[in-house]
C-alpha atoms as a PDB file:
ATOM      1  CA  UNK A   1      -0.004   0.003   0.000  1.00  0.00           C
ATOM      2  CA  UNK A   2       1.260   3.466  -0.912  1.00  0.00           C
ATOM      3  CA  UNK A   3       2.379   5.580   2.022  1.00  0.00           C
ATOM      4  CA  UNK A   4       0.746   8.933   2.739  1.00  0.00           C
ATOM      5  CA  UNK A   5       3.551  11.021   1.215  1.00  0.00           C
ATOM      6  CA  UNK A   6       6.011  10.250  -1.581  1.00  0.00           C
ATOM      7  CA  UNK A   7       8.553  12.668  -0.043  1.00  0.00           C
ATOM      8  CA  UNK A   8       8.760  15.986   1.795  1.00  0.00           C
ATOM      9  CA  UNK A   9       8.124  17.925  -1.409  1.00  0.00           C
ATOM     10  CA  UNK A  10       4.781  16.219  -1.971  1.00  0.00           C
ATOM     11  CA  UNK A  11       3.935  16.610   1.725  1.00  0.00           C
ATOM     12  CA  UNK A  12       4.635  20.336   1.476  1.00  0.00           C
ATOM     13  CA  UNK A  13       2.371  20.748  -1.541  1.00  0.00           C
ATOM     14  CA  UNK A  14      -0.476  18.912   0.187  1.00  0.00           C
ATOM     15  CA  UNK A  15       0.015  21.023   3.308  1.00  0.00           C
ATOM     16  CA  UNK A  16       0.088  24.245   1.265  1.00  0.00           C
ATOM     17  CA  UNK A  17      -3.321  23.362  -0.181  1.00  0.00           C
ATOM     18  CA  UNK A  18      -4.746  23.655   3.356  1.00  0.00           C
ATOM     19  CA  UNK A  19      -3.158  27.065   3.973  1.00  0.00           C
ATOM     20  CA  UNK A  20      -4.427  29.074   0.994  1.00  0.00           C
ATOM     21  CA  UNK A  21      -6.090  31.661   3.263  1.00  0.00           C
ATOM     22  CA  UNK A  22      -2.573  32.915   4.067  1.00  0.00           C
ATOM     23  CA  UNK A  23      -1.496  33.439   0.441  1.00  0.00           C
ATOM     24  CA  UNK A  24      -0.133  36.811  -0.728  1.00  0.00           C
ATOM     25  CA  UNK A  25      -0.347  38.377   2.718  1.00  0.00           C
ATOM     26  CA  UNK A  26       2.497  40.770   3.632  1.00  0.00           C
ATOM     27  CA  UNK A  27       2.311  39.856   7.319  1.00  0.00           C
ATOM     28  CA  UNK A  28       2.938  36.110   6.797  1.00  0.00           C
ATOM     29  CA  UNK A  29       6.324  34.471   7.469  1.00  0.00           C
ATOM     30  CA  UNK A  30       6.913  30.735   6.995  1.00  0.00           C
ATOM     31  CA  UNK A  31       9.420  29.105   9.342  1.00  0.00           C
ATOM     32  CA  UNK A  32      10.752  25.578   8.858  1.00  0.00           C
ATOM     33  CA  UNK A  33      12.352  23.439  11.537  1.00  0.00           C
ATOM     34  CA  UNK A  34      15.739  22.239  10.239  1.00  0.00           C
ATOM     35  CA  UNK A  35      16.467  20.105   8.734  1.00  0.00           C
ATOM     36  CA  UNK A  36      13.537  17.974   7.593  1.00  0.00           C
ATOM     37  CA  UNK A  37      10.915  20.680   8.037  1.00  0.00           C
ATOM     38  CA  UNK A  38      12.578  23.051   5.576  1.00  0.00           C
ATOM     39  CA  UNK A  39      11.738  21.170   2.332  1.00  0.00           C
ATOM     40  CA  UNK A  40       8.106  21.033   3.489  1.00  0.00           C
ATOM     41  CA  UNK A  41       8.164  24.721   4.459  1.00  0.00           C
ATOM     42  CA  UNK A  42       9.726  25.646   1.105  1.00  0.00           C
ATOM     43  CA  UNK A  43       6.721  24.272  -0.804  1.00  0.00           C
ATOM     44  CA  UNK A  44       4.344  26.129   1.516  1.00  0.00           C
ATOM     45  CA  UNK A  45       6.255  29.418   1.244  1.00  0.00           C
ATOM     46  CA  UNK A  46       6.399  29.099  -2.563  1.00  0.00           C
ATOM     47  CA  UNK A  47       2.650  28.435  -2.810  1.00  0.00           C
ATOM     48  CA  UNK A  48       1.770  31.273  -0.433  1.00  0.00           C
ATOM     49  CA  UNK A  49       4.263  33.745  -1.940  1.00  0.00           C
ATOM     50  CA  UNK A  50       5.727  34.263   1.530  1.00  0.00           C
ATOM     51  CA  UNK A  51       9.263  34.642   2.908  1.00  0.00           C
ATOM     52  CA  UNK A  52      10.943  31.497   4.245  1.00  0.00           C
ATOM     53  CA  UNK A  53      13.324  31.223   7.167  1.00  0.00           C
ATOM     54  CA  UNK A  54      14.339  28.705   9.807  1.00  0.00           C
ATOM     55  CA  UNK A  55      13.375  28.323  13.455  1.00  0.00           C
ATOM     56  CA  UNK A  56      16.371  26.729  15.112  1.00  0.00           C
ATOM     57  CA  UNK A  57      15.515  24.020  17.607  1.00  0.00           C
ATOM     58  CA  UNK A  58      17.440  20.938  18.704  1.00  0.00           C
ATOM     59  CA  UNK A  59      15.937  17.781  20.112  1.00  0.00           C
ATOM     60  CA  UNK A  60      17.516  16.387  23.274  1.00  0.00           C
ATOM     61  CA  UNK A  61      17.749  12.702  22.404  1.00  0.00           C
ATOM     62  CA  UNK A  62      17.917  10.037  25.085  1.00  0.00           C
ATOM     63  CA  UNK A  63      21.508   8.657  25.148  1.00  0.00           C
ATOM     64  CA  UNK A  64      21.521   5.367  23.244  1.00  0.00           C
ATOM     65  CA  UNK A  65      18.050   6.069  21.841  1.00  0.00           C
ATOM     66  CA  UNK A  66      18.555   9.310  19.922  1.00  0.00           C
ATOM     67  CA  UNK A  67      15.160   9.247  18.192  1.00  0.00           C
ATOM     68  CA  UNK A  68      13.395   9.396  21.556  1.00  0.00           C
ATOM     69  CA  UNK A  69      13.189  13.011  22.744  1.00  0.00           C
ATOM     70  CA  UNK A  70      13.611  13.779  26.419  1.00  0.00           C
ATOM     71  CA  UNK A  71      13.250  17.479  25.574  1.00  0.00           C
ATOM     72  CA  UNK A  72      14.376  20.189  23.204  1.00  0.00           C
ATOM     73  CA  UNK A  73      16.184  23.526  23.178  1.00  0.00           C
ATOM     74  CA  UNK A  74      15.697  26.615  21.030  1.00  0.00           C
ATOM     75  CA  UNK A  75      17.329  29.989  20.538  1.00  0.00           C
ATOM     76  CA  UNK A  76      16.697  32.437  23.357  1.00  0.00           C
ATOM     77  CA  UNK A  77      17.739  29.926  26.044  1.00  0.00           C
ATOM     78  CA  UNK A  78      14.456  28.034  25.736  1.00  0.00           C
ATOM     79  CA  UNK A  79      14.471  24.473  27.107  1.00  0.00           C
ATOM     80  CA  UNK A  80      11.425  22.220  27.096  1.00  0.00           C
ATOM     81  CA  UNK A  81      11.623  18.915  28.979  1.00  0.00           C
ATOM     82  CA  UNK A  82       9.453  15.893  28.177  1.00  0.00           C
ATOM     83  CA  UNK A  83       8.679  15.013  31.778  1.00  0.00           C
ATOM     84  CA  UNK A  84       6.985  11.719  30.863  1.00  0.00           C
ATOM     85  CA  UNK A  85      10.119  10.379  29.155  1.00  0.00           C
ATOM     86  CA  UNK A  86      12.481  11.728  31.835  1.00  0.00           C
ATOM     87  CA  UNK A  87      10.421  10.210  34.665  1.00  0.00           C
ATOM     88  CA  UNK A  88       9.834   6.915  32.854  1.00  0.00           C
ATOM     89  CA  UNK A  89      13.531   6.370  32.146  1.00  0.00           C
ATOM     90  CA  UNK A  90      14.697   8.063  35.369  1.00  0.00           C
ATOM     91  CA  UNK A  91      17.096  10.307  33.475  1.00  0.00           C
ATOM     92  CA  UNK A  92      19.231  12.400  35.856  1.00  0.00           C
ATOM     93  CA  UNK A  93      19.581  16.176  35.420  1.00  0.00           C
ATOM     94  CA  UNK A  94      23.314  15.774  34.787  1.00  0.00           C
ATOM     95  CA  UNK A  95      22.577  13.691  31.679  1.00  0.00           C
ATOM     96  CA  UNK A  96      20.095  16.278  30.410  1.00  0.00           C
ATOM     97  CA  UNK A  97      22.690  19.038  30.953  1.00  0.00           C
ATOM     98  CA  UNK A  98      25.392  17.073  29.096  1.00  0.00           C
ATOM     99  CA  UNK A  99      23.164  16.446  26.071  1.00  0.00           C
ATOM    100  CA  UNK A 100      21.941  20.064  26.116  1.00  0.00           C
ATOM    101  CA  UNK A 101      25.512  21.389  26.040  1.00  0.00           C
ATOM    102  CA  UNK A 102      26.255  19.341  22.904  1.00  0.00           C
ATOM    103  CA  UNK A 103      23.048  20.454  21.206  1.00  0.00           C
ATOM    104  CA  UNK A 104      23.658  24.131  22.028  1.00  0.00           C
ATOM    105  CA  UNK A 105      26.924  23.933  20.092  1.00  0.00           C
ATOM    106  CA  UNK A 106      25.073  22.352  17.160  1.00  0.00           C
ATOM    107  CA  UNK A 107      22.378  25.039  17.362  1.00  0.00           C
ATOM    108  CA  UNK A 108      25.027  27.760  17.106  1.00  0.00           C
ATOM    109  CA  UNK A 109      26.768  25.951  14.228  1.00  0.00           C
ATOM    110  CA  UNK A 110      23.564  25.715  12.236  1.00  0.00           C
ATOM    111  CA  UNK A 111      22.683  29.334  12.916  1.00  0.00           C
ATOM    112  CA  UNK A 112      26.021  30.353  11.384  1.00  0.00           C
ATOM    113  CA  UNK A 113      25.596  28.066   8.364  1.00  0.00           C
ATOM    114  CA  UNK A 114      21.958  28.834   7.591  1.00  0.00           C
ATOM    115  CA  UNK A 115      21.839  32.503   8.431  1.00  0.00           C
ATOM    116  CA  UNK A 116      25.380  33.853   8.334  1.00  0.00           C
ATOM    117  CA  UNK A 117      25.038  37.617   8.739  1.00  0.00           C
ATOM    118  CA  UNK A 118      21.393  37.636   7.677  1.00  0.00           C
ATOM    119  CA  UNK A 119      19.156  39.158  10.372  1.00  0.00           C
ATOM    120  CA  UNK A 120      16.557  37.146  12.244  1.00  0.00           C
ATOM    121  CA  UNK A 121      13.088  37.085  10.645  1.00  0.00           C
ATOM    122  CA  UNK A 122      10.479  39.564  11.840  1.00  0.00           C
ATOM    123  CA  UNK A 123       8.166  37.837  14.287  1.00  0.00           C
ATOM    124  CA  UNK A 124       6.467  40.592  16.285  1.00  0.00           C
ATOM    125  CA  UNK A 125       3.001  41.462  14.947  1.00  0.00           C
ATOM    126  CA  UNK A 126       3.415  38.968  12.074  1.00  0.00           C
ATOM    127  CA  UNK A 127       1.515  35.811  11.255  1.00  0.00           C
ATOM    128  CA  UNK A 128       3.950  32.921  11.682  1.00  0.00           C
ATOM    129  CA  UNK A 129       3.405  29.537  10.065  1.00  0.00           C
ATOM    130  CA  UNK A 130       5.679  27.064  11.857  1.00  0.00           C
ATOM    131  CA  UNK A 131       6.353  23.885   9.884  1.00  0.00           C
ATOM    132  CA  UNK A 132       8.013  20.504  10.441  1.00  0.00           C
ATOM    133  CA  UNK A 133       7.835  17.249   8.470  1.00  0.00           C
ATOM    134  CA  UNK A 134       5.793  15.696  11.291  1.00  0.00           C
ATOM    135  CA  UNK A 135       5.344  15.687  15.053  1.00  0.00           C
ATOM    136  CA  UNK A 136       6.198  12.672  17.199  1.00  0.00           C
ATOM    137  CA  UNK A 137       6.657  13.481  20.909  1.00  0.00           C
ATOM    138  CA  UNK A 138       6.045  17.206  20.386  1.00  0.00           C
ATOM    139  CA  UNK A 139       9.103  18.308  22.396  1.00  0.00           C
ATOM    140  CA  UNK A 140      10.808  19.986  19.433  1.00  0.00           C
ATOM    141  CA  UNK A 141       7.751  21.895  18.219  1.00  0.00           C
ATOM    142  CA  UNK A 142       6.948  23.034  21.772  1.00  0.00           C
ATOM    143  CA  UNK A 143      10.437  24.507  22.167  1.00  0.00           C
ATOM    144  CA  UNK A 144       9.921  26.361  18.897  1.00  0.00           C
ATOM    145  CA  UNK A 145       6.517  27.602  20.051  1.00  0.00           C
ATOM    146  CA  UNK A 146       7.984  28.845  23.328  1.00  0.00           C
ATOM    147  CA  UNK A 147      10.758  30.834  21.649  1.00  0.00           C
ATOM    148  CA  UNK A 148       8.374  32.338  19.069  1.00  0.00           C
ATOM    149  CA  UNK A 149       5.797  33.363  21.671  1.00  0.00           C
ATOM    150  CA  UNK A 150       8.450  35.423  23.416  1.00  0.00           C
ATOM    151  CA  UNK A 151       8.633  37.534  20.235  1.00  0.00           C
ATOM    152  CA  UNK A 152       4.889  38.342  20.227  1.00  0.00           C
ATOM    153  CA  UNK A 153       3.567  37.189  16.850  1.00  0.00           C
ATOM    154  CA  UNK A 154       0.084  38.374  15.842  1.00  0.00           C
ATOM    155  CA  UNK A 155      -0.894  34.793  15.020  1.00  0.00           C
ATOM    156  CA  UNK A 156       0.993  31.531  15.436  1.00  0.00           C
ATOM    157  CA  UNK A 157       0.033  28.616  13.223  1.00  0.00           C
ATOM    158  CA  UNK A 158       1.561  25.134  13.489  1.00  0.00           C
ATOM    159  CA  UNK A 159       1.320  23.244  10.193  1.00  0.00           C
ATOM    160  CA  UNK A 160       2.614  19.710   9.559  1.00  0.00           C
ATOM    161  CA  UNK A 161       1.917  16.855   7.146  1.00  0.00           C
ATOM    162  CA  UNK A 162       1.416  14.301   9.932  1.00  0.00           C
ATOM    163  CA  UNK A 163       0.906  14.226  13.702  1.00  0.00           C
ATOM    164  CA  UNK A 164      -1.101  12.146  16.152  1.00  0.00           C
ATOM    165  CA  UNK A 165      -4.653  13.172  16.957  1.00  0.00           C
ATOM    166  CA  UNK A 166      -3.897  13.674  20.662  1.00  0.00           C
ATOM    167  CA  UNK A 167      -0.798  15.774  19.897  1.00  0.00           C
ATOM    168  CA  UNK A 168      -2.775  18.059  17.597  1.00  0.00           C
ATOM    169  CA  UNK A 169      -5.457  18.544  20.247  1.00  0.00           C
ATOM    170  CA  UNK A 170      -2.828  19.419  22.868  1.00  0.00           C
ATOM    171  CA  UNK A 171      -1.106  21.920  20.554  1.00  0.00           C
ATOM    172  CA  UNK A 172      -4.395  23.690  19.774  1.00  0.00           C
ATOM    173  CA  UNK A 173      -4.324  24.939  23.356  1.00  0.00           C
ATOM    174  CA  UNK A 174      -0.861  26.458  22.820  1.00  0.00           C
ATOM    175  CA  UNK A 175      -1.166  28.181  19.424  1.00  0.00           C
ATOM    176  CA  UNK A 176      -3.816  29.996  17.397  1.00  0.00           C
ATOM    177  CA  UNK A 177      -4.284  27.237  14.841  1.00  0.00           C
ATOM    178  CA  UNK A 178      -3.058  23.732  14.015  1.00  0.00           C
ATOM    179  CA  UNK A 179      -3.184  22.463  10.419  1.00  0.00           C
ATOM    180  CA  UNK A 180      -2.379  18.805   9.768  1.00  0.00           C
ATOM    181  CA  UNK A 181      -2.880  16.707   6.620  1.00  0.00           C
ATOM    182  CA  UNK A 182      -2.859  13.294   8.341  1.00  0.00           C
ATOM    183  CA  UNK A 183      -3.861  12.706  11.975  1.00  0.00           C
ATOM    184  CA  UNK A 184      -3.520   8.991  12.819  1.00  0.00           C
ATOM    185  CA  UNK A 185      -4.544   7.591  16.176  1.00  0.00           C
ATOM    186  CA  UNK A 186      -1.163   5.854  16.422  1.00  0.00           C
ATOM    187  CA  UNK A 187       1.745   7.687  14.799  1.00  0.00           C
ATOM    188  CA  UNK A 188       4.556   5.205  15.602  1.00  0.00           C
ATOM    189  CA  UNK A 189       7.257   7.194  13.745  1.00  0.00           C
ATOM    190  CA  UNK A 190       7.175  10.058  11.264  1.00  0.00           C
ATOM    191  CA  UNK A 191       9.250   8.168   8.681  1.00  0.00           C
ATOM    192  CA  UNK A 192       6.580   5.462   8.444  1.00  0.00           C
ATOM    193  CA  UNK A 193       4.348   7.931   6.585  1.00  0.00           C
ATOM    194  CA  UNK A 194       6.924   8.754   3.884  1.00  0.00           C
ATOM    195  CA  UNK A 195       8.186   6.628   1.007  1.00  0.00           C
ATOM    196  CA  UNK A 196      11.383   8.712   0.913  1.00  0.00           C
ATOM    197  CA  UNK A 197      12.495   9.990   4.313  1.00  0.00           C
ATOM    198  CA  UNK A 198      16.192  10.534   3.614  1.00  0.00           C
ATOM    199  CA  UNK A 199      17.896  13.005   5.934  1.00  0.00           C
ATOM    200  CA  UNK A 200      17.958  16.574   4.630  1.00  0.00           C
ATOM    201  CA  UNK A 201      21.480  18.051   4.437  1.00  0.00           C
ATOM    202  CA  UNK A 202      22.737  21.475   5.499  1.00  0.00           C
ATOM    203  CA  UNK A 203      23.470  22.229   1.832  1.00  0.00           C
ATOM    204  CA  UNK A 204      19.871  21.455   0.866  1.00  0.00           C
ATOM    205  CA  UNK A 205      18.546  23.741   3.616  1.00  0.00           C
ATOM    206  CA  UNK A 206      20.751  26.614   2.447  1.00  0.00           C
ATOM    207  CA  UNK A 207      19.763  26.046  -1.186  1.00  0.00           C
ATOM    208  CA  UNK A 208      16.040  26.111  -0.381  1.00  0.00           C
ATOM    209  CA  UNK A 209      16.335  29.276   1.722  1.00  0.00           C
ATOM    210  CA  UNK A 210      18.210  30.991  -1.118  1.00  0.00           C
ATOM    211  CA  UNK A 211      15.761  29.743  -3.766  1.00  0.00           C
ATOM    212  CA  UNK A 212      12.714  31.185  -2.018  1.00  0.00           C
ATOM    213  CA  UNK A 213      14.503  34.488  -1.457  1.00  0.00           C
ATOM    214  CA  UNK A 214      15.239  34.656  -5.206  1.00  0.00           C
ATOM    215  CA  UNK A 215      11.662  33.732  -6.118  1.00  0.00           C
ATOM    216  CA  UNK A 216      10.318  36.599  -4.002  1.00  0.00           C
ATOM    217  CA  UNK A 217      12.900  39.023  -5.422  1.00  0.00           C
ATOM    218  CA  UNK A 218      11.909  38.102  -8.985  1.00  0.00           C
ATOM    219  CA  UNK A 219       8.221  38.596  -8.197  1.00  0.00           C
ATOM    220  CA  UNK A 220       8.718  42.039  -6.710  1.00  0.00           C
END
């Protein structure tokens, strides 16, 4: 049986079709979570004729089980802990601090690569569409939400191709709107919903950010 999405490009196009009310609006900014969220966000930004940037967040993976998030960090010294995972596995604070220190260095590295000297996107009084390629535990997206809320957006929309029903309901209490193409009862893993779920590279992220900037410049 064919999976829900052929790849992140197709997922982005399907997601964009549910966000048409935000097209051609000067207050809209599309933010992708690197790295996998950026190809999805690129398709949305292209369809909406909106600027594209990144929201830098790093998952805090459980040592030995990196795909399982015990929390996440974001720019602005935001740290969100998944208390259920931490309590269940009895993870000590020292372990969380060690992992966080490593991920902070990676966060700074990516900020330099993706943004260079380019200023941060305008968030205050703007409509922000925050995009990832899917939501599993929700720790990463919640860290992103926390850091964006500090910057006082007019409206904050979370948009993803796939996330569990319960997760979507929980997030609706934290943001203005949640848009999701597929909402299974049991998610299992995001990659299960994609035929091609190859890791996105730093070079691909940079290329997509540049491409959307050029598209907007040519339209103006």
